[in-house]
PDB file of all heavy atoms in Angstrom:
ATOM      1  N   THR A   1      -6.936   6.893  -3.947  1.00  0.00           N
ATOM      2  CA  THR A   1      -6.076   5.731  -4.178  1.00  0.00           C
ATOM      3  C   THR A   1      -4.821   5.823  -3.333  1.00  0.00           C
ATOM      4  O   THR A   1      -4.124   6.836  -3.366  1.00  0.00           O
ATOM      5  CB  THR A   1      -5.677   5.641  -5.659  1.00  0.00           C
ATOM      6  OG1 THR A   1      -6.856   5.573  -6.457  1.00  0.00           O
ATOM      7  CG2 THR A   1      -4.814   4.410  -5.908  1.00  0.00           C
ATOM      8  N   PRO A   2      -4.514   4.804  -2.519  1.00  0.00           N
ATOM      9  CA  PRO A   2      -3.320   4.861  -1.669  1.00  0.00           C
ATOM     10  C   PRO A   2      -2.053   5.071  -2.482  1.00  0.00           C
ATOM     11  O   PRO A   2      -1.844   4.425  -3.511  1.00  0.00           O
ATOM     12  CB  PRO A   2      -3.312   3.484  -0.982  1.00  0.00           C
ATOM     13  CG  PRO A   2      -4.718   3.010  -1.060  1.00  0.00           C
ATOM     14  CD  PRO A   2      -5.271   3.559  -2.341  1.00  0.00           C
ATOM     15  N   ALA A   3      -1.233   6.032  -2.029  1.00  0.00           N
ATOM     16  CA  ALA A   3       0.015   6.345  -2.726  1.00  0.00           C
ATOM     17  C   ALA A   3       1.204   5.948  -1.863  1.00  0.00           C
ATOM     18  O   ALA A   3       1.121   5.949  -0.631  1.00  0.00           O
ATOM     19  CB  ALA A   3       0.072   7.836  -3.058  1.00  0.00           C
ATOM     20  N   HIS A   4       2.307   5.639  -2.505  1.00  0.00           N
ATOM     21  CA  HIS A   4       3.523   5.301  -1.782  1.00  0.00           C
ATOM     22  C   HIS A   4       4.181   6.562  -1.215  1.00  0.00           C
ATOM     23  O   HIS A   4       3.994   7.667  -1.720  1.00  0.00           O
ATOM     24  CB  HIS A   4       4.512   4.597  -2.715  1.00  0.00           C
ATOM     25  CG  HIS A   4       4.207   3.151  -2.895  1.00  0.00           C
ATOM     26  ND1 HIS A   4       5.120   2.239  -3.358  1.00  0.00           N
ATOM     27  CD2 HIS A   4       3.080   2.439  -2.656  1.00  0.00           C
ATOM     28  CE1 HIS A   4       4.574   1.040  -3.416  1.00  0.00           C
ATOM     29  NE2 HIS A   4       3.332   1.141  -2.997  1.00  0.00           N
ATOM     30  N   VAL A   5       4.935   6.381  -0.143  1.00  0.00           N
ATOM     31  CA  VAL A   5       5.752   7.451   0.403  1.00  0.00           C
ATOM     32  C   VAL A   5       7.211   7.076   0.185  1.00  0.00           C
ATOM     33  O   VAL A   5       7.561   5.893   0.151  1.00  0.00           O
ATOM     34  CB  VAL A   5       5.476   7.676   1.905  1.00  0.00           C
ATOM     35  CG1 VAL A   5       4.055   8.167   2.129  1.00  0.00           C
ATOM     36  CG2 VAL A   5       5.712   6.391   2.691  1.00  0.00           C
ATOM     37  N   ASP A   6       8.055   8.072   0.015  1.00  0.00           N
ATOM     38  CA  ASP A   6       9.474   7.814  -0.203  1.00  0.00           C
ATOM     39  C   ASP A   6      10.096   7.252   1.071  1.00  0.00           C
ATOM     40  O   ASP A   6       9.864   7.759   2.175  1.00  0.00           O
ATOM     41  CB  ASP A   6      10.189   9.105  -0.604  1.00  0.00           C
ATOM     42  CG  ASP A   6       9.714   9.612  -1.960  1.00  0.00           C
ATOM     43  OD1 ASP A   6       9.284   8.777  -2.771  1.00  0.00           O
ATOM     44  OD2 ASP A   6       9.767  10.833  -2.190  1.00  0.00           O
ATOM     45  N   VAL A   7      10.875   6.211   0.916  1.00  0.00           N
ATOM     46  CA  VAL A   7      11.538   5.563   2.047  1.00  0.00           C
ATOM     47  C   VAL A   7      13.035   5.634   1.842  1.00  0.00           C
ATOM     48  O   VAL A   7      13.545   5.235   0.792  1.00  0.00           O
ATOM     49  CB  VAL A   7      11.092   4.090   2.192  1.00  0.00           C
ATOM     50  CG1 VAL A   7      11.851   3.423   3.330  1.00  0.00           C
ATOM     51  CG2 VAL A   7       9.595   4.012   2.418  1.00  0.00           C
ATOM     52  N   ALA A   8      13.749   6.174   2.838  1.00  0.00           N
ATOM     53  CA  ALA A   8      15.206   6.271   2.774  1.00  0.00           C
ATOM     54  C   ALA A   8      15.786   5.909   4.136  1.00  0.00           C
ATOM     55  O   ALA A   8      15.254   6.303   5.176  1.00  0.00           O
ATOM     56  CB  ALA A   8      15.636   7.686   2.374  1.00  0.00           C
ATOM     57  N   GLY A   9      16.861   5.162   4.128  1.00  0.00           N
ATOM     58  CA  GLY A   9      17.506   4.779   5.375  1.00  0.00           C
ATOM     59  C   GLY A   9      16.989   3.456   5.903  1.00  0.00           C
ATOM     60  O   GLY A   9      16.171   2.773   5.275  1.00  0.00           O
ATOM     61  N   ARG A  10      17.457   3.117   7.108  1.00  0.00           N
ATOM     62  CA  ARG A  10      17.079   1.850   7.731  1.00  0.00           C
ATOM     63  C   ARG A  10      16.605   2.028   9.162  1.00  0.00           C
ATOM     64  O   ARG A  10      16.569   1.069   9.927  1.00  0.00           O
ATOM     65  CB  ARG A  10      18.273   0.882   7.707  1.00  0.00           C
ATOM     66  CG  ARG A  10      18.761   0.528   6.309  1.00  0.00           C
ATOM     67  CD  ARG A  10      19.909  -0.464   6.375  1.00  0.00           C
ATOM     68  NE  ARG A  10      20.382  -0.820   5.044  1.00  0.00           N
ATOM     69  CZ  ARG A  10      21.403  -1.650   4.807  1.00  0.00           C
ATOM     70  NH1 ARG A  10      22.047  -2.213   5.837  1.00  0.00           N
ATOM     71  NH2 ARG A  10      21.760  -1.932   3.564  1.00  0.00           N
ATOM     72  N   ASP A  11      16.262   3.255   9.549  1.00  0.00           N
ATOM     73  CA  ASP A  11      15.826   3.492  10.911  1.00  0.00           C
ATOM     74  C   ASP A  11      14.349   3.134  11.077  1.00  0.00           C
ATOM     75  O   ASP A  11      13.696   2.621  10.166  1.00  0.00           O
ATOM     76  CB  ASP A  11      16.078   4.953  11.312  1.00  0.00           C
ATOM     77  CG  ASP A  11      15.450   5.932  10.318  1.00  0.00           C
ATOM     78  OD1 ASP A  11      14.630   5.481   9.494  1.00  0.00           O
ATOM     79  OD2 ASP A  11      15.791   7.131  10.372  1.00  0.00           O
ATOM     80  N   GLU A  12      13.815   3.439  12.284  1.00  0.00           N
ATOM     81  CA  GLU A  12      12.433   3.074  12.584  1.00  0.00           C
ATOM     82  C   GLU A  12      11.446   3.811  11.689  1.00  0.00           C
ATOM     83  O   GLU A  12      10.401   3.256  11.312  1.00  0.00           O
ATOM     84  CB  GLU A  12      12.127   3.366  14.066  1.00  0.00           C
ATOM     85  CG  GLU A  12      12.771   2.394  15.043  1.00  0.00           C
ATOM     86  CD  GLU A  12      14.260   2.664  15.237  1.00  0.00           C
ATOM     87  OE1 GLU A  12      14.742   3.687  14.710  1.00  0.00           O
ATOM     88  OE2 GLU A  12      14.924   1.854  15.899  1.00  0.00           O
ATOM     89  N   ILE A  13      11.740   5.068  11.343  1.00  0.00           N
ATOM     90  CA  ILE A  13      10.830   5.826  10.488  1.00  0.00           C
ATOM     91  C   ILE A  13      10.800   5.225   9.081  1.00  0.00           C
ATOM     92  O   ILE A  13       9.751   5.135   8.446  1.00  0.00           O
ATOM     93  CB  ILE A  13      11.235   7.312  10.453  1.00  0.00           C
ATOM     94  CG1 ILE A  13      11.079   7.925  11.846  1.00  0.00           C
ATOM     95  CG2 ILE A  13      10.407   8.082   9.439  1.00  0.00           C
ATOM     96  CD1 ILE A  13      11.459   9.376  11.917  1.00  0.00           C
ATOM     97  N   ALA A  14      11.966   4.805   8.588  1.00  0.00           N
ATOM     98  CA  ALA A  14      12.004   4.146   7.280  1.00  0.00           C
ATOM     99  C   ALA A  14      11.222   2.837   7.315  1.00  0.00           C
ATOM    100  O   ALA A  14      10.513   2.497   6.356  1.00  0.00           O
ATOM    101  CB  ALA A  14      13.447   3.891   6.865  1.00  0.00           C
ATOM    102  N   LEU A  15      11.335   2.102   8.430  1.00  0.00           N
ATOM    103  CA  LEU A  15      10.570   0.859   8.577  1.00  0.00           C
ATOM    104  C   LEU A  15       9.073   1.151   8.603  1.00  0.00           C
ATOM    105  O   LEU A  15       8.277   0.423   8.001  1.00  0.00           O
ATOM    106  CB  LEU A  15      10.995   0.139   9.857  1.00  0.00           C
ATOM    107  CG  LEU A  15      10.283  -1.187  10.162  1.00  0.00           C
ATOM    108  CD1 LEU A  15      10.523  -2.193   9.046  1.00  0.00           C
ATOM    109  CD2 LEU A  15      10.760  -1.749  11.493  1.00  0.00           C
ATOM    110  N   LEU A  16       8.685   2.239   9.273  1.00  0.00           N
ATOM    111  CA  LEU A  16       7.281   2.641   9.293  1.00  0.00           C
ATOM    112  C   LEU A  16       6.795   2.993   7.884  1.00  0.00           C
ATOM    113  O   LEU A  16       5.689   2.608   7.487  1.00  0.00           O
ATOM    114  CB  LEU A  16       7.095   3.838  10.230  1.00  0.00           C
ATOM    115  CG  LEU A  16       5.693   4.448  10.300  1.00  0.00           C
ATOM    116  CD1 LEU A  16       4.700   3.421  10.829  1.00  0.00           C
ATOM    117  CD2 LEU A  16       5.703   5.684  11.197  1.00  0.00           C
ATOM    118  N   GLY A  17       7.633   3.710   7.128  1.00  0.00           N
ATOM    119  CA  GLY A  17       7.265   4.048   5.758  1.00  0.00           C
ATOM    120  C   GLY A  17       7.114   2.821   4.882  1.00  0.00           C
ATOM    121  O   GLY A  17       6.178   2.732   4.069  1.00  0.00           O
ATOM    122  N   ALA A  18       8.024   1.857   5.033  1.00  0.00           N
ATOM    123  CA  ALA A  18       7.928   0.621   4.248  1.00  0.00           C
ATOM    124  C   ALA A  18       6.657  -0.154   4.606  1.00  0.00           C
ATOM    125  O   ALA A  18       5.991  -0.717   3.727  1.00  0.00           O
ATOM    126  CB  ALA A  18       9.169  -0.237   4.481  1.00  0.00           C
ATOM    127  N   SER A  19       6.318  -0.178   5.893  1.00  0.00           N
ATOM    128  CA  SER A  19       5.089  -0.857   6.320  1.00  0.00           C
ATOM    129  C   SER A  19       3.860  -0.163   5.751  1.00  0.00           C
ATOM    130  O   SER A  19       2.896  -0.819   5.335  1.00  0.00           O
ATOM    131  CB  SER A  19       5.014  -0.888   7.855  1.00  0.00           C
ATOM    132  OG  SER A  19       6.114  -1.580   8.399  1.00  0.00           O
ATOM    133  N   PHE A  20       3.906   1.163   5.718  1.00  0.00           N
ATOM    134  CA  PHE A  20       2.780   1.905   5.143  1.00  0.00           C
ATOM    135  C   PHE A  20       2.633   1.594   3.658  1.00  0.00           C
ATOM    136  O   PHE A  20       1.516   1.415   3.164  1.00  0.00           O
ATOM    137  CB  PHE A  20       2.981   3.406   5.356  1.00  0.00           C
ATOM    138  CG  PHE A  20       1.884   4.253   4.776  1.00  0.00           C
ATOM    139  CD1 PHE A  20       0.754   4.545   5.517  1.00  0.00           C
ATOM    140  CD2 PHE A  20       1.981   4.754   3.486  1.00  0.00           C
ATOM    141  CE1 PHE A  20      -0.269   5.308   4.975  1.00  0.00           C
ATOM    142  CE2 PHE A  20       0.971   5.520   2.937  1.00  0.00           C
ATOM    143  CZ  PHE A  20      -0.166   5.800   3.692  1.00  0.00           C
ATOM    144  N   ASN A  21       3.752   1.538   2.945  1.00  0.00           N
ATOM    145  CA  ASN A  21       3.690   1.222   1.517  1.00  0.00           C
ATOM    146  C   ASN A  21       3.121  -0.177   1.288  1.00  0.00           C
ATOM    147  O   ASN A  21       2.344  -0.401   0.352  1.00  0.00           O
ATOM    148  CB  ASN A  21       5.082   1.336   0.896  1.00  0.00           C
ATOM    149  CG  ASN A  21       5.552   2.771   0.804  1.00  0.00           C
ATOM    150  OD1 ASN A  21       4.754   3.702   0.826  1.00  0.00           O
ATOM    151  ND2 ASN A  21       6.845   2.960   0.698  1.00  0.00           N
ATOM    152  N   TRP A  22       3.526  -1.105   2.139  1.00  0.00           N
ATOM    153  CA  TRP A  22       2.983  -2.465   2.015  1.00  0.00           C
ATOM    154  C   TRP A  22       1.479  -2.457   2.261  1.00  0.00           C
ATOM    155  O   TRP A  22       0.717  -3.110   1.540  1.00  0.00           O
ATOM    156  CB  TRP A  22       3.668  -3.379   3.026  1.00  0.00           C
ATOM    157  CG  TRP A  22       3.153  -4.786   3.001  1.00  0.00           C
ATOM    158  CD1 TRP A  22       3.529  -5.799   2.177  1.00  0.00           C
ATOM    159  CD2 TRP A  22       2.119  -5.317   3.845  1.00  0.00           C
ATOM    160  NE1 TRP A  22       2.807  -6.931   2.446  1.00  0.00           N
ATOM    161  CE2 TRP A  22       1.940  -6.676   3.467  1.00  0.00           C
ATOM    162  CE3 TRP A  22       1.347  -4.797   4.876  1.00  0.00           C
ATOM    163  CZ2 TRP A  22       1.010  -7.487   4.098  1.00  0.00           C
ATOM    164  CZ3 TRP A  22       0.411  -5.614   5.495  1.00  0.00           C
ATOM    165  CH2 TRP A  22       0.260  -6.953   5.106  1.00  0.00           C
ATOM    166  N   MET A  23       1.033  -1.713   3.277  1.00  0.00           N
ATOM    167  CA  MET A  23      -0.396  -1.621   3.559  1.00  0.00           C
ATOM    168  C   MET A  23      -1.139  -0.955   2.404  1.00  0.00           C
ATOM    169  O   MET A  23      -2.234  -1.389   2.019  1.00  0.00           O
ATOM    170  CB  MET A  23      -0.621  -0.831   4.850  1.00  0.00           C
ATOM    171  CG  MET A  23      -2.080  -0.679   5.237  1.00  0.00           C
ATOM    172  SD  MET A  23      -2.324   0.379   6.683  1.00  0.00           S
ATOM    173  CE  MET A  23      -1.793   1.958   6.008  1.00  0.00           C
ATOM    174  N   ALA A  24      -0.542   0.094   1.832  1.00  0.00           N
ATOM    175  CA  ALA A  24      -1.178   0.779   0.702  1.00  0.00           C
ATOM    176  C   ALA A  24      -1.336  -0.165  -0.485  1.00  0.00           C
ATOM    177  O   ALA A  24      -2.370  -0.165  -1.168  1.00  0.00           O
ATOM    178  CB  ALA A  24      -0.364   2.005   0.313  1.00  0.00           C
ATOM    179  N   ASP A  25      -0.298  -0.985  -0.746  1.00  0.00           N
ATOM    180  CA  ASP A  25      -0.393  -1.953  -1.845  1.00  0.00           C
ATOM    181  C   ASP A  25      -1.504  -2.970  -1.585  1.00  0.00           C
ATOM    182  O   ASP A  25      -2.257  -3.337  -2.495  1.00  0.00           O
ATOM    183  CB  ASP A  25       0.941  -2.679  -2.028  1.00  0.00           C
ATOM    184  CG  ASP A  25       2.013  -1.771  -2.614  1.00  0.00           C
ATOM    185  OD1 ASP A  25       1.649  -0.762  -3.238  1.00  0.00           O
ATOM    186  OD2 ASP A  25       3.208  -2.071  -2.433  1.00  0.00           O
ATOM    187  N   ALA A  26      -1.583  -3.435  -0.325  1.00  0.00           N
ATOM    188  CA  ALA A  26      -2.617  -4.417   0.013  1.00  0.00           C
ATOM    189  C   ALA A  26      -4.014  -3.825  -0.152  1.00  0.00           C
ATOM    190  O   ALA A  26      -4.922  -4.476  -0.687  1.00  0.00           O
ATOM    191  CB  ALA A  26      -2.416  -4.920   1.447  1.00  0.00           C
ATOM    192  N   ILE A  27      -4.185  -2.583   0.288  1.00  0.00           N
ATOM    193  CA  ILE A  27      -5.497  -1.939   0.162  1.00  0.00           C
ATOM    194  C   ILE A  27      -5.841  -1.711  -1.305  1.00  0.00           C
ATOM    195  O   ILE A  27      -6.982  -1.936  -1.736  1.00  0.00           O
ATOM    196  CB  ILE A  27      -5.510  -0.610   0.938  1.00  0.00           C
ATOM    197  CG1 ILE A  27      -5.422  -0.879   2.440  1.00  0.00           C
ATOM    198  CG2 ILE A  27      -6.767   0.196   0.617  1.00  0.00           C
ATOM    199  CD1 ILE A  27      -5.331   0.358   3.284  1.00  0.00           C
ATOM    200  N   ALA A  28      -4.859  -1.262  -2.087  1.00  0.00           N
ATOM    201  CA  ALA A  28      -5.110  -1.039  -3.516  1.00  0.00           C
ATOM    202  C   ALA A  28      -5.486  -2.342  -4.208  1.00  0.00           C
ATOM    203  O   ALA A  28      -6.383  -2.377  -5.069  1.00  0.00           O
ATOM    204  CB  ALA A  28      -3.879  -0.424  -4.170  1.00  0.00           C
ATOM    205  N   THR A  29      -4.809  -3.433  -3.828  1.00  0.00           N
ATOM    206  CA  THR A  29      -5.132  -4.735  -4.419  1.00  0.00           C
ATOM    207  C   THR A  29      -6.541  -5.161  -4.062  1.00  0.00           C
ATOM    208  O   THR A  29      -7.302  -5.649  -4.915  1.00  0.00           O
ATOM    209  CB  THR A  29      -4.128  -5.791  -3.943  1.00  0.00           C
ATOM    210  OG1 THR A  29      -2.801  -5.405  -4.345  1.00  0.00           O
ATOM    211  CG2 THR A  29      -4.449  -7.152  -4.539  1.00  0.00           C
ATOM    212  N   GLN A  30      -6.914  -4.977  -2.794  1.00  0.00           N
ATOM    213  CA  GLN A  30      -8.259  -5.357  -2.368  1.00  0.00           C
ATOM    214  C   GLN A  30      -9.321  -4.505  -3.053  1.00  0.00           C
ATOM    215  O   GLN A  30     -10.387  -5.009  -3.432  1.00  0.00           O
ATOM    216  CB  GLN A  30      -8.379  -5.225  -0.844  1.00  0.00           C
ATOM    217  CG  GLN A  30      -7.587  -6.257  -0.068  1.00  0.00           C
ATOM    218  CD  GLN A  30      -7.991  -7.678  -0.407  1.00  0.00           C
ATOM    219  OE1 GLN A  30      -9.170  -7.989  -0.543  1.00  0.00           O
ATOM    220  NE2 GLN A  30      -7.005  -8.561  -0.538  1.00  0.00           N
ATOM    221  N   GLN A  31      -9.039  -3.219  -3.209  1.00  0.00           N
ATOM    222  CA  GLN A  31      -9.993  -2.359  -3.902  1.00  0.00           C
ATOM    223  C   GLN A  31     -10.173  -2.792  -5.351  1.00  0.00           C
ATOM    224  O   GLN A  31     -11.300  -2.823  -5.861  1.00  0.00           O
ATOM    225  CB  GLN A  31      -9.522  -0.897  -3.838  1.00  0.00           C
ATOM    226  CG  GLN A  31      -9.621  -0.274  -2.459  1.00  0.00           C
ATOM    227  CD  GLN A  31      -9.100   1.146  -2.442  1.00  0.00           C
ATOM    228  OE1 GLN A  31      -8.436   1.599  -3.378  1.00  0.00           O
ATOM    229  NE2 GLN A  31      -9.379   1.871  -1.377  1.00  0.00           N
ATOM    230  N   GLU A  32      -9.068  -3.135  -5.998  1.00  0.00           N
ATOM    231  CA  GLU A  32      -9.151  -3.577  -7.391  1.00  0.00           C
ATOM    232  C   GLU A  32      -9.909  -4.897  -7.497  1.00  0.00           C
ATOM    233  O   GLU A  32     -10.751  -5.079  -8.392  1.00  0.00           O
ATOM    234  CB  GLU A  32      -7.750  -3.726  -7.974  1.00  0.00           C
ATOM    235  CG  GLU A  32      -7.712  -4.246  -9.402  1.00  0.00           C
ATOM    236  CD  GLU A  32      -8.400  -3.311 -10.384  1.00  0.00           C
ATOM    237  OE1 GLU A  32      -8.519  -2.109 -10.089  1.00  0.00           O
ATOM    238  OE2 GLU A  32      -8.825  -3.790 -11.450  1.00  0.00           O
ATOM    239  N   LEU A  33      -9.636  -5.820  -6.554  1.00  0.00           N
ATOM    240  CA  LEU A  33     -10.344  -7.095  -6.563  1.00  0.00           C
ATOM    241  C   LEU A  33     -11.833  -6.894  -6.311  1.00  0.00           C
ATOM    242  O   LEU A  33     -12.674  -7.565  -6.919  1.00  0.00           O
ATOM    243  CB  LEU A  33      -9.751  -8.033  -5.499  1.00  0.00           C
ATOM    244  CG  LEU A  33      -8.362  -8.593  -5.784  1.00  0.00           C
ATOM    245  CD1 LEU A  33      -7.875  -9.411  -4.600  1.00  0.00           C
ATOM    246  CD2 LEU A  33      -8.361  -9.454  -7.046  1.00  0.00           C
ATOM    247  N   ARG A  34     -12.166  -5.945  -5.429  1.00  0.00           N
ATOM    248  CA  ARG A  34     -13.571  -5.683  -5.140  1.00  0.00           C
ATOM    249  C   ARG A  34     -14.272  -5.119  -6.371  1.00  0.00           C
ATOM    250  O   ARG A  34     -15.390  -5.530  -6.707  1.00  0.00           O
ATOM    251  CB  ARG A  34     -13.686  -4.712  -3.969  1.00  0.00           C
ATOM    252  CG  ARG A  34     -15.111  -4.541  -3.460  1.00  0.00           C
ATOM    253  CD  ARG A  34     -15.180  -3.544  -2.319  1.00  0.00           C
ATOM    254  NE  ARG A  34     -14.310  -3.942  -1.227  1.00  0.00           N
ATOM    255  CZ  ARG A  34     -13.221  -3.285  -0.861  1.00  0.00           C
ATOM    256  NH1 ARG A  34     -12.858  -2.190  -1.513  1.00  0.00           N
ATOM    257  NH2 ARG A  34     -12.483  -3.693   0.134  1.00  0.00           N
ATOM    258  N   ARG A  35     -13.597  -4.175  -7.038  1.00  0.00           N
ATOM    259  CA  ARG A  35     -14.197  -3.608  -8.251  1.00  0.00           C
ATOM    260  C   ARG A  35     -14.364  -4.678  -9.330  1.00  0.00           C
ATOM    261  O   ARG A  35     -15.404  -4.749 -10.003  1.00  0.00           O
ATOM    262  CB  ARG A  35     -13.330  -2.455  -8.769  1.00  0.00           C
ATOM    263  CG  ARG A  35     -13.441  -1.174  -7.959  1.00  0.00           C
ATOM    264  CD  ARG A  35     -12.807  -0.028  -8.701  1.00  0.00           C
ATOM    265  NE  ARG A  35     -11.365  -0.183  -8.803  1.00  0.00           N
ATOM    266  CZ  ARG A  35     -10.501   0.338  -7.944  1.00  0.00           C
ATOM    267  NH1 ARG A  35     -10.935   1.059  -6.926  1.00  0.00           N
ATOM    268  NH2 ARG A  35      -9.203   0.152  -8.108  1.00  0.00           N
ATOM    269  N   ARG A  36     -13.340  -5.517  -9.474  1.00  0.00           N
ATOM    270  CA  ARG A  36     -13.426  -6.568 -10.485  1.00  0.00           C
ATOM    271  C   ARG A  36     -14.523  -7.564 -10.145  1.00  0.00           C
ATOM    272  O   ARG A  36     -15.255  -8.024 -11.034  1.00  0.00           O
ATOM    273  CB  ARG A  36     -12.090  -7.290 -10.597  1.00  0.00           C
ATOM    274  CG  ARG A  36     -11.009  -6.502 -11.315  1.00  0.00           C
ATOM    275  CD  ARG A  36      -9.705  -7.261 -11.323  1.00  0.00           C
ATOM    276  NE  ARG A  36      -9.877  -8.617 -11.813  1.00  0.00           N
ATOM    277  CZ  ARG A  36      -8.935  -9.551 -11.742  1.00  0.00           C
ATOM    278  NH1 ARG A  36      -7.767  -9.270 -11.195  1.00  0.00           N
ATOM    279  NH2 ARG A  36      -9.146 -10.764 -12.219  1.00  0.00           N
ATOM    280  N   MET A  37     -14.661  -7.888  -8.860  1.00  0.00           N
ATOM    281  CA  MET A  37     -15.668  -8.866  -8.469  1.00  0.00           C
ATOM    282  C   MET A  37     -17.066  -8.340  -8.740  1.00  0.00           C
ATOM    283  O   MET A  37     -17.930  -9.063  -9.271  1.00  0.00           O
ATOM    284  CB  MET A  37     -15.524  -9.219  -6.989  1.00  0.00           C
ATOM    285  CG  MET A  37     -16.508 -10.280  -6.533  1.00  0.00           C
ATOM    286  SD  MET A  37     -16.254 -10.797  -4.838  1.00  0.00           S
ATOM    287  CE  MET A  37     -17.532 -12.047  -4.687  1.00  0.00           C
ATOM    288  N   VAL A  38     -17.313  -7.063  -8.401  1.00  0.00           N
ATOM    289  CA  VAL A  38     -18.628  -6.483  -8.662  1.00  0.00           C
ATOM    290  C   VAL A  38     -18.920  -6.499 -10.158  1.00  0.00           C
ATOM    291  O   VAL A  38     -20.016  -6.869 -10.597  1.00  0.00           O
ATOM    292  CB  VAL A  38     -18.705  -5.046  -8.101  1.00  0.00           C
ATOM    293  CG1 VAL A  38     -19.992  -4.365  -8.557  1.00  0.00           C
ATOM    294  CG2 VAL A  38     -18.621  -5.064  -6.584  1.00  0.00           C
ATOM    295  N   GLY A  39     -17.940  -6.105 -10.965  1.00  0.00           N
ATOM    296  CA  GLY A  39     -18.137  -6.115 -12.410  1.00  0.00           C
ATOM    297  C   GLY A  39     -18.333  -7.511 -12.956  1.00  0.00           C
ATOM    298  O   GLY A  39     -19.195  -7.733 -13.829  1.00  0.00           O
ATOM    299  N   ASP A  40     -17.554  -8.472 -12.427  1.00  0.00           N
ATOM    300  CA  ASP A  40     -17.677  -9.845 -12.920  1.00  0.00           C
ATOM    301  C   ASP A  40     -19.024 -10.463 -12.540  1.00  0.00           C
ATOM    302  O   ASP A  40     -19.639 -11.179 -13.333  1.00  0.00           O
ATOM    303  CB  ASP A  40     -16.539 -10.704 -12.365  1.00  0.00           C
ATOM    304  CG  ASP A  40     -15.192 -10.329 -12.969  1.00  0.00           C
ATOM    305  OD1 ASP A  40     -15.195  -9.771 -14.080  1.00  0.00           O
ATOM    306  OD2 ASP A  40     -14.159 -10.578 -12.324  1.00  0.00           O
TER     307      ASP A  40
END
């Protein structure tokens, strides 16, 4: 399951971490929707 990474600051690395967290949330949502769809 995709996990969040700690993000601190406003530099490029922090922006990369925030983008990764957004991607992890999107993947987790899609995985949950896929599981729900198969069950439904």
